[in-house]
């Protein structure tokens, strides 16, 4: 932070010029994401920087350091600022104070629109679900409709990796746009001979699978951002360690499978494989229901 403060003080960075992003700070100074985030937040608190929507954090001039007027704040602006923080740094980085800093407002002014972080996260989830409406042309087959909806959810998790940890299947918040996704899944199964209990179990199992596959997304993205190391580079750096473990003979089947040519794993391929197996299982259930069997 001292280096950026110095550059601002001597005029190397003038009013309105863009400051390095958190990722640039990580790469240039080799610090963790939390430290990089704290640097920009501290400069904003000191009135040396401000956030410009669509641009990033810039050097503040004397004429632009005043806080955002209360009347300019809206719930939507607050929610969108919080989503931007979560997308870039994870849900743990979201706080009322941090969002207020991003908006150039006081933390107390946010409470006129949002009761606290719990409500804010609720509104964030509703907003990102609503950003991806269903397509106008919906397939007729139940399997194709479930597949389309599941992939849509996966895309949402991909864009917003924090979302998987922000929701619960068994203690769900009443998120209208999220409930609309669930309703579409139920409609795909409606009229196939499944009773209500089976329909709900089938839908929650599918939702649980997609969410479970997505839980790793935030940690993976944060690791890449903080270290600048790709997944392939990470594995290559540990090849010697892995060879030693396999040489011990403790994991013979794992060692044999991993050594096979053509092995290609990433989160997307694992998701696609599991989704097909989930739908294969539901196809058996639907066939039994159509035959009048309930076993």
C-alpha atoms as a PDB file:
ATOM      1  CA  UNK A   1       0.000   0.000   0.000  1.00  0.00           C
ATOM      2  CA  UNK A   2       2.868   2.363   0.775  1.00  0.00           C
ATOM      3  CA  UNK A   3       4.073   2.127  -2.825  1.00  0.00           C
ATOM      4  CA  UNK A   4       0.666   3.021  -4.253  1.00  0.00           C
ATOM      5  CA  UNK A   5       0.286   5.830  -1.723  1.00  0.00           C
ATOM      6  CA  UNK A   6       3.699   7.156  -2.768  1.00  0.00           C
ATOM      7  CA  UNK A   7       2.798   7.066  -6.469  1.00  0.00           C
ATOM      8  CA  UNK A   8      -0.352   9.036  -5.762  1.00  0.00           C
ATOM      9  CA  UNK A   9       1.495  11.548  -3.547  1.00  0.00           C
ATOM     10  CA  UNK A  10       4.222  12.331  -6.116  1.00  0.00           C
ATOM     11  CA  UNK A  11       1.772  12.504  -8.992  1.00  0.00           C
ATOM     12  CA  UNK A  12       2.837   9.329 -10.804  1.00  0.00           C
ATOM     13  CA  UNK A  13      -0.826   8.362 -10.552  1.00  0.00           C
ATOM     14  CA  UNK A  14      -3.071  11.358 -11.146  1.00  0.00           C
ATOM     15  CA  UNK A  15      -6.731  11.976 -10.332  1.00  0.00           C
ATOM     16  CA  UNK A  16      -8.953   9.705 -12.382  1.00  0.00           C
ATOM     17  CA  UNK A  17      -6.185   7.268 -13.333  1.00  0.00           C
ATOM     18  CA  UNK A  18      -6.989   3.621 -12.777  1.00  0.00           C
ATOM     19  CA  UNK A  19      -5.251   1.848  -9.909  1.00  0.00           C
ATOM     20  CA  UNK A  20      -4.071  -1.758 -10.224  1.00  0.00           C
ATOM     21  CA  UNK A  21      -6.830  -4.324  -9.719  1.00  0.00           C
ATOM     22  CA  UNK A  22      -6.629  -6.866  -6.905  1.00  0.00           C
ATOM     23  CA  UNK A  23      -5.333  -9.450  -9.378  1.00  0.00           C
ATOM     24  CA  UNK A  24      -2.645  -7.057 -10.648  1.00  0.00           C
ATOM     25  CA  UNK A  25      -1.571  -6.297  -7.071  1.00  0.00           C
ATOM     26  CA  UNK A  26      -1.329 -10.046  -6.386  1.00  0.00           C
ATOM     27  CA  UNK A  27       0.873 -10.570  -9.454  1.00  0.00           C
ATOM     28  CA  UNK A  28       3.094  -7.501  -8.946  1.00  0.00           C
ATOM     29  CA  UNK A  29       3.693  -7.749  -5.197  1.00  0.00           C
ATOM     30  CA  UNK A  30       3.053 -11.453  -4.567  1.00  0.00           C
ATOM     31  CA  UNK A  31       0.483 -10.887  -1.811  1.00  0.00           C
ATOM     32  CA  UNK A  32      -2.693 -12.800  -0.997  1.00  0.00           C
ATOM     33  CA  UNK A  33      -6.126 -11.793  -2.261  1.00  0.00           C
ATOM     34  CA  UNK A  34      -7.182 -10.612   1.202  1.00  0.00           C
ATOM     35  CA  UNK A  35      -4.163  -8.297   1.394  1.00  0.00           C
ATOM     36  CA  UNK A  36      -4.731  -6.890  -2.088  1.00  0.00           C
ATOM     37  CA  UNK A  37      -8.366  -6.233  -1.271  1.00  0.00           C
ATOM     38  CA  UNK A  38      -7.419  -4.516   1.976  1.00  0.00           C
ATOM     39  CA  UNK A  39      -4.968  -2.244   0.141  1.00  0.00           C
ATOM     40  CA  UNK A  40      -7.636  -0.856  -2.191  1.00  0.00           C
ATOM     41  CA  UNK A  41     -10.179  -0.577   0.622  1.00  0.00           C
ATOM     42  CA  UNK A  42      -7.731   1.367   2.811  1.00  0.00           C
ATOM     43  CA  UNK A  43      -6.921   3.806   0.003  1.00  0.00           C
ATOM     44  CA  UNK A  44     -10.644   4.403  -0.456  1.00  0.00           C
ATOM     45  CA  UNK A  45     -11.143   4.922   3.289  1.00  0.00           C
ATOM     46  CA  UNK A  46      -8.340   7.496   3.239  1.00  0.00           C
ATOM     47  CA  UNK A  47     -10.036   9.345   0.372  1.00  0.00           C
ATOM     48  CA  UNK A  48      -7.197   8.597  -2.039  1.00  0.00           C
ATOM     49  CA  UNK A  49      -9.227   6.325  -4.307  1.00  0.00           C
ATOM     50  CA  UNK A  50     -12.774   5.747  -5.435  1.00  0.00           C
ATOM     51  CA  UNK A  51     -14.683   3.127  -7.418  1.00  0.00           C
ATOM     52  CA  UNK A  52     -16.059   4.023 -10.837  1.00  0.00           C
ATOM     53  CA  UNK A  53     -18.684   1.518 -12.040  1.00  0.00           C
ATOM     54  CA  UNK A  54     -17.527  -0.233 -15.197  1.00  0.00           C
ATOM     55  CA  UNK A  55     -13.984   1.113 -14.798  1.00  0.00           C
ATOM     56  CA  UNK A  56     -12.581  -0.005 -11.460  1.00  0.00           C
ATOM     57  CA  UNK A  57     -10.751   1.753  -8.662  1.00  0.00           C
ATOM     58  CA  UNK A  58      -9.255   5.099  -9.670  1.00  0.00           C
ATOM     59  CA  UNK A  59      -7.289   7.844  -7.955  1.00  0.00           C
ATOM     60  CA  UNK A  60      -9.646  10.324  -6.339  1.00  0.00           C
ATOM     61  CA  UNK A  61      -9.183  14.046  -6.853  1.00  0.00           C
ATOM     62  CA  UNK A  62     -10.183  16.671  -4.315  1.00  0.00           C
ATOM     63  CA  UNK A  63     -13.418  17.245  -6.153  1.00  0.00           C
ATOM     64  CA  UNK A  64     -14.557  13.589  -6.144  1.00  0.00           C
ATOM     65  CA  UNK A  65     -13.896  12.242  -2.667  1.00  0.00           C
ATOM     66  CA  UNK A  66     -17.271  13.155  -1.209  1.00  0.00           C
ATOM     67  CA  UNK A  67     -19.475  10.222  -0.337  1.00  0.00           C
ATOM     68  CA  UNK A  68     -22.354   9.157  -2.519  1.00  0.00           C
ATOM     69  CA  UNK A  69     -25.491  11.077  -1.501  1.00  0.00           C
ATOM     70  CA  UNK A  70     -28.011   8.897   0.312  1.00  0.00           C
ATOM     71  CA  UNK A  71     -30.691   9.634  -2.294  1.00  0.00           C
ATOM     72  CA  UNK A  72     -28.483   8.113  -5.014  1.00  0.00           C
ATOM     73  CA  UNK A  73     -28.333   4.757  -3.266  1.00  0.00           C
ATOM     74  CA  UNK A  74     -30.797   2.068  -4.303  1.00  0.00           C
ATOM     75  CA  UNK A  75     -31.212  -1.536  -3.295  1.00  0.00           C
ATOM     76  CA  UNK A  76     -30.305  -2.591  -6.812  1.00  0.00           C
ATOM     77  CA  UNK A  77     -27.027  -0.633  -6.761  1.00  0.00           C
ATOM     78  CA  UNK A  78     -26.119  -2.127  -3.414  1.00  0.00           C
ATOM     79  CA  UNK A  79     -26.899  -5.673  -4.564  1.00  0.00           C
ATOM     80  CA  UNK A  80     -24.961  -5.278  -7.820  1.00  0.00           C
ATOM     81  CA  UNK A  81     -21.941  -3.894  -5.984  1.00  0.00           C
ATOM     82  CA  UNK A  82     -22.059  -6.846  -3.577  1.00  0.00           C
ATOM     83  CA  UNK A  83     -22.280  -9.319  -6.472  1.00  0.00           C
ATOM     84  CA  UNK A  84     -19.224  -7.719  -8.082  1.00  0.00           C
ATOM     85  CA  UNK A  85     -17.248  -8.140  -4.848  1.00  0.00           C
ATOM     86  CA  UNK A  86     -18.356 -11.758  -4.442  1.00  0.00           C
ATOM     87  CA  UNK A  87     -17.599 -12.607  -8.077  1.00  0.00           C
ATOM     88  CA  UNK A  88     -14.099 -11.195  -7.798  1.00  0.00           C
ATOM     89  CA  UNK A  89     -13.095 -12.178  -4.288  1.00  0.00           C
ATOM     90  CA  UNK A  90     -15.585 -14.681  -2.897  1.00  0.00           C
ATOM     91  CA  UNK A  91     -18.540 -14.403  -0.566  1.00  0.00           C
ATOM     92  CA  UNK A  92     -16.344 -13.992   2.510  1.00  0.00           C
ATOM     93  CA  UNK A  93     -15.191 -10.610   1.171  1.00  0.00           C
ATOM     94  CA  UNK A  94     -18.760  -9.273   1.168  1.00  0.00           C
ATOM     95  CA  UNK A  95     -19.694  -7.103   4.122  1.00  0.00           C
ATOM     96  CA  UNK A  96     -21.859  -4.032   4.544  1.00  0.00           C
ATOM     97  CA  UNK A  97     -18.751  -1.937   5.135  1.00  0.00           C
ATOM     98  CA  UNK A  98     -16.961  -3.292   2.080  1.00  0.00           C
ATOM     99  CA  UNK A  99     -19.952  -2.745  -0.204  1.00  0.00           C
ATOM    100  CA  UNK A 100     -20.349   0.770   1.167  1.00  0.00           C
ATOM    101  CA  UNK A 101     -16.705   1.439   0.355  1.00  0.00           C
ATOM    102  CA  UNK A 102     -17.213   0.220  -3.206  1.00  0.00           C
ATOM    103  CA  UNK A 103     -20.138   2.614  -3.577  1.00  0.00           C
ATOM    104  CA  UNK A 104     -18.362   5.522  -1.926  1.00  0.00           C
ATOM    105  CA  UNK A 105     -21.066   5.652   0.741  1.00  0.00           C
ATOM    106  CA  UNK A 106     -21.227   5.257   4.497  1.00  0.00           C
ATOM    107  CA  UNK A 107     -21.972   1.788   5.836  1.00  0.00           C
ATOM    108  CA  UNK A 108     -24.923   3.110   7.838  1.00  0.00           C
ATOM    109  CA  UNK A 109     -26.581   4.473   4.703  1.00  0.00           C
ATOM    110  CA  UNK A 110     -26.842   0.940   3.300  1.00  0.00           C
ATOM    111  CA  UNK A 111     -29.011  -0.172   6.211  1.00  0.00           C
ATOM    112  CA  UNK A 112     -31.794   2.089   4.944  1.00  0.00           C
ATOM    113  CA  UNK A 113     -32.127  -0.355   2.042  1.00  0.00           C
ATOM    114  CA  UNK A 114     -30.839  -3.713   3.339  1.00  0.00           C
ATOM    115  CA  UNK A 115     -31.224  -5.066   6.881  1.00  0.00           C
ATOM    116  CA  UNK A 116     -27.806  -6.739   6.963  1.00  0.00           C
ATOM    117  CA  UNK A 117     -25.518  -9.232   5.240  1.00  0.00           C
ATOM    118  CA  UNK A 118     -28.004 -12.128   5.455  1.00  0.00           C
ATOM    119  CA  UNK A 119     -30.634 -10.180   3.558  1.00  0.00           C
ATOM    120  CA  UNK A 120     -28.010  -8.869   1.174  1.00  0.00           C
ATOM    121  CA  UNK A 121     -26.878 -12.403   0.257  1.00  0.00           C
ATOM    122  CA  UNK A 122     -30.545 -13.384  -0.179  1.00  0.00           C
ATOM    123  CA  UNK A 123     -31.027 -10.499  -2.636  1.00  0.00           C
ATOM    124  CA  UNK A 124     -27.772 -11.323  -4.416  1.00  0.00           C
ATOM    125  CA  UNK A 125     -28.888 -14.909  -5.013  1.00  0.00           C
ATOM    126  CA  UNK A 126     -32.269 -13.774  -6.302  1.00  0.00           C
ATOM    127  CA  UNK A 127     -30.611 -11.290  -8.666  1.00  0.00           C
ATOM    128  CA  UNK A 128     -28.185 -13.749 -10.261  1.00  0.00           C
ATOM    129  CA  UNK A 129     -30.905 -16.378 -10.721  1.00  0.00           C
ATOM    130  CA  UNK A 130     -33.016 -13.738 -12.429  1.00  0.00           C
ATOM    131  CA  UNK A 131     -30.188 -12.721 -14.767  1.00  0.00           C
ATOM    132  CA  UNK A 132     -30.553 -15.992 -16.684  1.00  0.00           C
ATOM    133  CA  UNK A 133     -34.217 -16.422 -17.682  1.00  0.00           C
ATOM    134  CA  UNK A 134     -35.405 -19.643 -19.357  1.00  0.00           C
ATOM    135  CA  UNK A 135     -35.178 -19.823 -23.156  1.00  0.00           C
ATOM    136  CA  UNK A 136     -38.264 -19.023 -25.146  1.00  0.00           C
ATOM    137  CA  UNK A 137     -38.151 -22.378 -26.947  1.00  0.00           C
ATOM    138  CA  UNK A 138     -38.421 -25.219 -24.424  1.00  0.00           C
ATOM    139  CA  UNK A 139     -37.901 -28.862 -25.497  1.00  0.00           C
ATOM    140  CA  UNK A 140     -40.909 -31.140 -25.277  1.00  0.00           C
ATOM    141  CA  UNK A 141     -39.220 -34.183 -23.744  1.00  0.00           C
ATOM    142  CA  UNK A 142     -38.906 -34.349 -19.952  1.00  0.00           C
ATOM    143  CA  UNK A 143     -35.260 -35.416 -20.082  1.00  0.00           C
ATOM    144  CA  UNK A 144     -34.267 -32.616 -22.453  1.00  0.00           C
ATOM    145  CA  UNK A 145     -36.072 -30.091 -20.263  1.00  0.00           C
ATOM    146  CA  UNK A 146     -34.294 -31.288 -17.110  1.00  0.00           C
ATOM    147  CA  UNK A 147     -30.964 -31.299 -18.927  1.00  0.00           C
ATOM    148  CA  UNK A 148     -31.503 -27.758 -20.172  1.00  0.00           C
ATOM    149  CA  UNK A 149     -32.431 -26.493 -16.689  1.00  0.00           C
ATOM    150  CA  UNK A 150     -29.501 -28.274 -15.010  1.00  0.00           C
ATOM    151  CA  UNK A 151     -27.004 -26.820 -17.485  1.00  0.00           C
ATOM    152  CA  UNK A 152     -28.524 -23.394 -16.984  1.00  0.00           C
ATOM    153  CA  UNK A 153     -27.912 -23.687 -13.237  1.00  0.00           C
ATOM    154  CA  UNK A 154     -24.351 -24.835 -13.887  1.00  0.00           C
ATOM    155  CA  UNK A 155     -23.758 -21.730 -16.022  1.00  0.00           C
ATOM    156  CA  UNK A 156     -25.047 -19.533 -13.201  1.00  0.00           C
ATOM    157  CA  UNK A 157     -22.702 -21.224 -10.732  1.00  0.00           C
ATOM    158  CA  UNK A 158     -19.861 -20.850 -13.222  1.00  0.00           C
ATOM    159  CA  UNK A 159     -20.434 -17.090 -13.454  1.00  0.00           C
ATOM    160  CA  UNK A 160     -20.994 -16.727  -9.705  1.00  0.00           C
ATOM    161  CA  UNK A 161     -18.930 -19.419  -7.902  1.00  0.00           C
ATOM    162  CA  UNK A 162     -19.961 -18.107  -4.462  1.00  0.00           C
ATOM    163  CA  UNK A 163     -23.621 -18.994  -5.043  1.00  0.00           C
ATOM    164  CA  UNK A 164     -23.276 -22.712  -4.270  1.00  0.00           C
ATOM    165  CA  UNK A 165     -22.266 -21.935  -0.679  1.00  0.00           C
ATOM    166  CA  UNK A 166     -24.871 -19.202  -0.300  1.00  0.00           C
ATOM    167  CA  UNK A 167     -27.914 -21.468  -0.677  1.00  0.00           C
ATOM    168  CA  UNK A 168     -29.296 -24.466   1.190  1.00  0.00           C
ATOM    169  CA  UNK A 169     -31.482 -27.232  -0.209  1.00  0.00           C
ATOM    170  CA  UNK A 170     -33.077 -28.349   3.055  1.00  0.00           C
ATOM    171  CA  UNK A 171     -33.370 -24.909   4.688  1.00  0.00           C
ATOM    172  CA  UNK A 172     -33.966 -22.818   1.591  1.00  0.00           C
ATOM    173  CA  UNK A 173     -34.515 -19.100   1.555  1.00  0.00           C
ATOM    174  CA  UNK A 174     -37.576 -18.030  -0.404  1.00  0.00           C
ATOM    175  CA  UNK A 175     -35.734 -16.630  -3.397  1.00  0.00           C
ATOM    176  CA  UNK A 176     -38.381 -15.946  -6.068  1.00  0.00           C
ATOM    177  CA  UNK A 177     -36.108 -16.372  -9.097  1.00  0.00           C
ATOM    178  CA  UNK A 178     -34.558 -19.493  -7.589  1.00  0.00           C
ATOM    179  CA  UNK A 179     -38.012 -20.910  -6.893  1.00  0.00           C
ATOM    180  CA  UNK A 180     -38.855 -20.349 -10.565  1.00  0.00           C
ATOM    181  CA  UNK A 181     -35.967 -22.654 -11.506  1.00  0.00           C
ATOM    182  CA  UNK A 182     -37.331 -25.334  -9.176  1.00  0.00           C
ATOM    183  CA  UNK A 183     -40.811 -24.898 -10.622  1.00  0.00           C
ATOM    184  CA  UNK A 184     -39.477 -25.475 -14.147  1.00  0.00           C
ATOM    185  CA  UNK A 185     -37.852 -28.727 -13.052  1.00  0.00           C
ATOM    186  CA  UNK A 186     -41.088 -29.925 -11.452  1.00  0.00           C
ATOM    187  CA  UNK A 187     -43.063 -29.051 -14.580  1.00  0.00           C
ATOM    188  CA  UNK A 188     -40.728 -31.232 -16.618  1.00  0.00           C
ATOM    189  CA  UNK A 189     -41.653 -34.238 -14.450  1.00  0.00           C
ATOM    190  CA  UNK A 190     -45.329 -33.428 -14.100  1.00  0.00           C
ATOM    191  CA  UNK A 191     -47.705 -35.868 -15.783  1.00  0.00           C
ATOM    192  CA  UNK A 192     -45.226 -38.761 -15.956  1.00  0.00           C
ATOM    193  CA  UNK A 193     -46.977 -40.841 -13.310  1.00  0.00           C
ATOM    194  CA  UNK A 194     -44.696 -39.856 -10.435  1.00  0.00           C
ATOM    195  CA  UNK A 195     -46.318 -38.976  -7.134  1.00  0.00           C
ATOM    196  CA  UNK A 196     -45.584 -35.642  -5.448  1.00  0.00           C
ATOM    197  CA  UNK A 197     -43.085 -37.115  -2.993  1.00  0.00           C
ATOM    198  CA  UNK A 198     -41.092 -38.770  -5.789  1.00  0.00           C
ATOM    199  CA  UNK A 199     -41.169 -35.607  -7.914  1.00  0.00           C
ATOM    200  CA  UNK A 200     -39.756 -33.490  -5.099  1.00  0.00           C
ATOM    201  CA  UNK A 201     -37.084 -36.063  -4.271  1.00  0.00           C
ATOM    202  CA  UNK A 202     -36.074 -36.312  -7.921  1.00  0.00           C
ATOM    203  CA  UNK A 203     -35.823 -32.538  -8.341  1.00  0.00           C
ATOM    204  CA  UNK A 204     -33.949 -31.965  -5.081  1.00  0.00           C
ATOM    205  CA  UNK A 205     -31.545 -34.800  -5.915  1.00  0.00           C
ATOM    206  CA  UNK A 206     -30.793 -33.196  -9.268  1.00  0.00           C
ATOM    207  CA  UNK A 207     -30.426 -29.729  -7.743  1.00  0.00           C
ATOM    208  CA  UNK A 208     -28.225 -31.192  -5.032  1.00  0.00           C
ATOM    209  CA  UNK A 209     -26.000 -32.826  -7.620  1.00  0.00           C
ATOM    210  CA  UNK A 210     -25.499 -29.578  -9.560  1.00  0.00           C
ATOM    211  CA  UNK A 211     -24.854 -27.594  -6.391  1.00  0.00           C
ATOM    212  CA  UNK A 212     -22.469 -30.250  -5.047  1.00  0.00           C
ATOM    213  CA  UNK A 213     -20.470 -30.205  -8.268  1.00  0.00           C
ATOM    214  CA  UNK A 214     -20.343 -26.395  -8.067  1.00  0.00           C
ATOM    215  CA  UNK A 215     -19.127 -26.150  -4.455  1.00  0.00           C
ATOM    216  CA  UNK A 216     -15.515 -26.511  -5.613  1.00  0.00           C
ATOM    217  CA  UNK A 217     -15.769 -23.663  -8.111  1.00  0.00           C
ATOM    218  CA  UNK A 218     -15.145 -20.820  -5.658  1.00  0.00           C
ATOM    219  CA  UNK A 219     -12.117 -22.493  -4.068  1.00  0.00           C
ATOM    220  CA  UNK A 220     -10.674 -23.358  -7.486  1.00  0.00           C
ATOM    221  CA  UNK A 221     -11.133 -19.816  -8.791  1.00  0.00           C
ATOM    222  CA  UNK A 222      -9.690 -18.265  -5.638  1.00  0.00           C
ATOM    223  CA  UNK A 223      -6.649 -20.550  -5.776  1.00  0.00           C
ATOM    224  CA  UNK A 224      -5.972 -19.605  -9.404  1.00  0.00           C
ATOM    225  CA  UNK A 225      -6.402 -15.901  -8.625  1.00  0.00           C
ATOM    226  CA  UNK A 226      -4.212 -15.854  -5.520  1.00  0.00           C
ATOM    227  CA  UNK A 227      -1.369 -17.956  -6.916  1.00  0.00           C
ATOM    228  CA  UNK A 228      -1.577 -17.258 -10.644  1.00  0.00           C
ATOM    229  CA  UNK A 229      -1.009 -20.994 -11.159  1.00  0.00           C
ATOM    230  CA  UNK A 230      -3.259 -22.969 -13.504  1.00  0.00           C
ATOM    231  CA  UNK A 231      -4.629 -26.380 -12.552  1.00  0.00           C
ATOM    232  CA  UNK A 232      -2.265 -28.071 -15.015  1.00  0.00           C
ATOM    233  CA  UNK A 233       0.744 -26.190 -13.617  1.00  0.00           C
ATOM    234  CA  UNK A 234      -0.324 -27.145 -10.095  1.00  0.00           C
ATOM    235  CA  UNK A 235      -0.426 -30.833 -11.003  1.00  0.00           C
ATOM    236  CA  UNK A 236       2.897 -30.699 -12.857  1.00  0.00           C
ATOM    237  CA  UNK A 237       4.571 -29.133  -9.827  1.00  0.00           C
ATOM    238  CA  UNK A 238       3.460 -32.130  -7.760  1.00  0.00           C
ATOM    239  CA  UNK A 239       4.303 -34.925 -10.174  1.00  0.00           C
ATOM    240  CA  UNK A 240       7.351 -36.033  -8.175  1.00  0.00           C
ATOM    241  CA  UNK A 241       5.338 -36.164  -4.949  1.00  0.00           C
ATOM    242  CA  UNK A 242       2.585 -38.150  -6.667  1.00  0.00           C
ATOM    243  CA  UNK A 243       5.094 -40.613  -8.124  1.00  0.00           C
ATOM    244  CA  UNK A 244       6.549 -41.232  -4.656  1.00  0.00           C
ATOM    245  CA  UNK A 245       3.086 -41.929  -3.250  1.00  0.00           C
ATOM    246  CA  UNK A 246       2.252 -44.341  -6.058  1.00  0.00           C
ATOM    247  CA  UNK A 247       5.620 -46.046  -5.753  1.00  0.00           C
ATOM    248  CA  UNK A 248       4.726 -46.989  -2.162  1.00  0.00           C
ATOM    249  CA  UNK A 249       2.190 -49.475  -3.519  1.00  0.00           C
ATOM    250  CA  UNK A 250      -0.538 -48.194  -1.203  1.00  0.00           C
ATOM    251  CA  UNK A 251      -2.830 -47.103  -4.055  1.00  0.00           C
ATOM    252  CA  UNK A 252      -2.438 -49.723  -6.810  1.00  0.00           C
ATOM    253  CA  UNK A 253      -5.758 -49.199  -8.594  1.00  0.00           C
ATOM    254  CA  UNK A 254      -5.552 -45.414  -8.471  1.00  0.00           C
ATOM    255  CA  UNK A 255      -1.978 -45.525  -9.789  1.00  0.00           C
ATOM    256  CA  UNK A 256      -3.002 -47.809 -12.675  1.00  0.00           C
ATOM    257  CA  UNK A 257      -6.040 -45.716 -13.673  1.00  0.00           C
ATOM    258  CA  UNK A 258      -4.205 -42.381 -13.518  1.00  0.00           C
ATOM    259  CA  UNK A 259      -1.428 -43.783 -15.695  1.00  0.00           C
ATOM    260  CA  UNK A 260      -3.820 -44.632 -18.549  1.00  0.00           C
ATOM    261  CA  UNK A 261      -3.577 -42.442 -21.671  1.00  0.00           C
ATOM    262  CA  UNK A 262      -6.454 -40.170 -22.538  1.00  0.00           C
ATOM    263  CA  UNK A 263      -7.411 -39.364 -18.953  1.00  0.00           C
ATOM    264  CA  UNK A 264      -8.867 -35.848 -19.063  1.00  0.00           C
ATOM    265  CA  UNK A 265     -10.567 -34.406 -15.996  1.00  0.00           C
ATOM    266  CA  UNK A 266     -11.901 -30.969 -15.203  1.00  0.00           C
ATOM    267  CA  UNK A 267     -14.953 -29.718 -13.337  1.00  0.00           C
ATOM    268  CA  UNK A 268     -16.996 -29.356 -16.513  1.00  0.00           C
ATOM    269  CA  UNK A 269     -16.326 -32.907 -17.678  1.00  0.00           C
ATOM    270  CA  UNK A 270     -17.122 -34.295 -14.219  1.00  0.00           C
ATOM    271  CA  UNK A 271     -20.366 -32.293 -14.185  1.00  0.00           C
ATOM    272  CA  UNK A 272     -21.397 -33.532 -17.637  1.00  0.00           C
ATOM    273  CA  UNK A 273     -20.671 -37.169 -16.758  1.00  0.00           C
ATOM    274  CA  UNK A 274     -22.637 -36.980 -13.519  1.00  0.00           C
ATOM    275  CA  UNK A 275     -25.560 -35.157 -15.131  1.00  0.00           C
ATOM    276  CA  UNK A 276     -25.968 -37.909 -17.718  1.00  0.00           C
ATOM    277  CA  UNK A 277     -25.929 -40.588 -15.015  1.00  0.00           C
ATOM    278  CA  UNK A 278     -28.488 -38.648 -12.952  1.00  0.00           C
ATOM    279  CA  UNK A 279     -30.816 -38.465 -15.945  1.00  0.00           C
ATOM    280  CA  UNK A 280     -30.230 -42.139 -16.777  1.00  0.00           C
ATOM    281  CA  UNK A 281     -31.403 -43.034 -13.275  1.00  0.00           C
ATOM    282  CA  UNK A 282     -34.479 -40.830 -13.562  1.00  0.00           C
ATOM    283  CA  UNK A 283     -35.309 -42.479 -16.890  1.00  0.00           C
ATOM    284  CA  UNK A 284     -35.555 -45.838 -15.103  1.00  0.00           C
ATOM    285  CA  UNK A 285     -37.799 -44.285 -12.444  1.00  0.00           C
ATOM    286  CA  UNK A 286     -40.085 -42.722 -15.055  1.00  0.00           C
ATOM    287  CA  UNK A 287     -40.317 -46.015 -16.973  1.00  0.00           C
ATOM    288  CA  UNK A 288     -41.362 -47.844 -13.815  1.00  0.00           C
ATOM    289  CA  UNK A 289     -43.996 -45.219 -13.052  1.00  0.00           C
ATOM    290  CA  UNK A 290     -45.426 -45.514 -16.563  1.00  0.00           C
ATOM    291  CA  UNK A 291     -45.652 -49.286 -16.076  1.00  0.00           C
ATOM    292  CA  UNK A 292     -47.570 -48.714 -12.864  1.00  0.00           C
ATOM    293  CA  UNK A 293     -44.716 -49.893 -10.597  1.00  0.00           C
ATOM    294  CA  UNK A 294     -43.806 -48.021  -7.417  1.00  0.00           C
ATOM    295  CA  UNK A 295     -40.752 -50.047  -6.327  1.00  0.00           C
END
